[in-house]
N, C-alpha and C. Protein backbone atom coordinates (compact mmCIF):
# COMPACT_ATOMS: atom_id res chain seq x y z
N MET A 1 47.37 77.84 14.68
CA MET A 1 46.60 76.71 15.23
C MET A 1 46.91 76.54 16.72
N ASP A 2 48.18 76.49 17.05
CA ASP A 2 48.57 76.32 18.46
C ASP A 2 48.08 77.50 19.30
N LEU A 3 48.19 78.70 18.73
CA LEU A 3 47.77 79.90 19.47
C LEU A 3 46.28 79.84 19.76
N VAL A 4 45.51 79.40 18.77
CA VAL A 4 44.05 79.30 18.96
C VAL A 4 43.73 78.29 20.05
N LEU A 5 44.40 77.15 20.01
CA LEU A 5 44.15 76.11 21.00
C LEU A 5 44.53 76.61 22.39
N CYS A 6 45.66 77.29 22.49
CA CYS A 6 46.12 77.81 23.77
C CYS A 6 45.12 78.82 24.32
N THR A 7 44.63 79.69 23.44
CA THR A 7 43.66 80.71 23.86
C THR A 7 42.38 80.04 24.32
N HIS A 8 41.94 79.01 23.60
CA HIS A 8 40.71 78.30 23.96
C HIS A 8 40.88 77.67 25.34
N ARG A 9 42.03 77.07 25.58
CA ARG A 9 42.27 76.43 26.88
C ARG A 9 42.27 77.47 27.99
N TRP A 10 42.85 78.65 27.69
CA TRP A 10 42.91 79.72 28.69
C TRP A 10 41.50 80.17 29.04
N GLU A 11 40.66 80.36 28.01
CA GLU A 11 39.28 80.79 28.25
C GLU A 11 38.53 79.72 29.03
N LEU A 12 38.77 78.46 28.70
CA LEU A 12 38.10 77.36 29.39
C LEU A 12 38.51 77.34 30.86
N SER A 13 39.80 77.56 31.12
CA SER A 13 40.29 77.58 32.50
C SER A 13 39.64 78.70 33.29
N ILE A 14 39.51 79.88 32.66
CA ILE A 14 38.89 81.03 33.33
C ILE A 14 37.43 80.70 33.65
N SER A 15 36.76 80.05 32.71
CA SER A 15 35.35 79.69 32.91
C SER A 15 35.22 78.72 34.09
N VAL A 16 36.11 77.75 34.14
CA VAL A 16 36.08 76.76 35.23
C VAL A 16 36.33 77.45 36.57
N LEU A 17 37.30 78.35 36.62
CA LEU A 17 37.61 79.06 37.86
C LEU A 17 36.43 79.93 38.28
N THR A 18 35.79 80.57 37.31
CA THR A 18 34.65 81.44 37.61
C THR A 18 33.50 80.62 38.19
N VAL A 19 33.21 79.49 37.55
CA VAL A 19 32.13 78.62 38.02
C VAL A 19 32.47 78.09 39.41
N GLY A 20 33.71 77.69 39.60
CA GLY A 20 34.14 77.17 40.89
C GLY A 20 34.00 78.22 41.98
N SER A 21 34.34 79.46 41.66
CA SER A 21 34.23 80.56 42.63
C SER A 21 32.77 80.79 42.98
N ASN A 22 31.90 80.75 41.98
CA ASN A 22 30.47 80.98 42.21
C ASN A 22 29.90 79.87 43.09
N VAL A 23 30.27 78.63 42.81
CA VAL A 23 29.78 77.50 43.60
C VAL A 23 30.30 77.62 45.03
N GLY A 24 31.56 77.99 45.18
CA GLY A 24 32.15 78.13 46.51
C GLY A 24 31.45 79.23 47.30
N ALA A 25 31.05 80.30 46.63
CA ALA A 25 30.39 81.41 47.31
C ALA A 25 28.97 81.01 47.70
N ASN A 26 28.32 80.22 46.86
CA ASN A 26 26.94 79.80 47.15
C ASN A 26 26.90 78.79 48.28
N PHE A 27 27.94 77.94 48.36
CA PHE A 27 27.92 76.93 49.41
C PHE A 27 28.97 77.30 50.42
């Protein structure tokens, strides 16, 4: 359970960083 939650948080963090990088590149 903890491992799944940790993995989900890691994927969410990567998604946020990716979106942030894309927004930063566009603006």
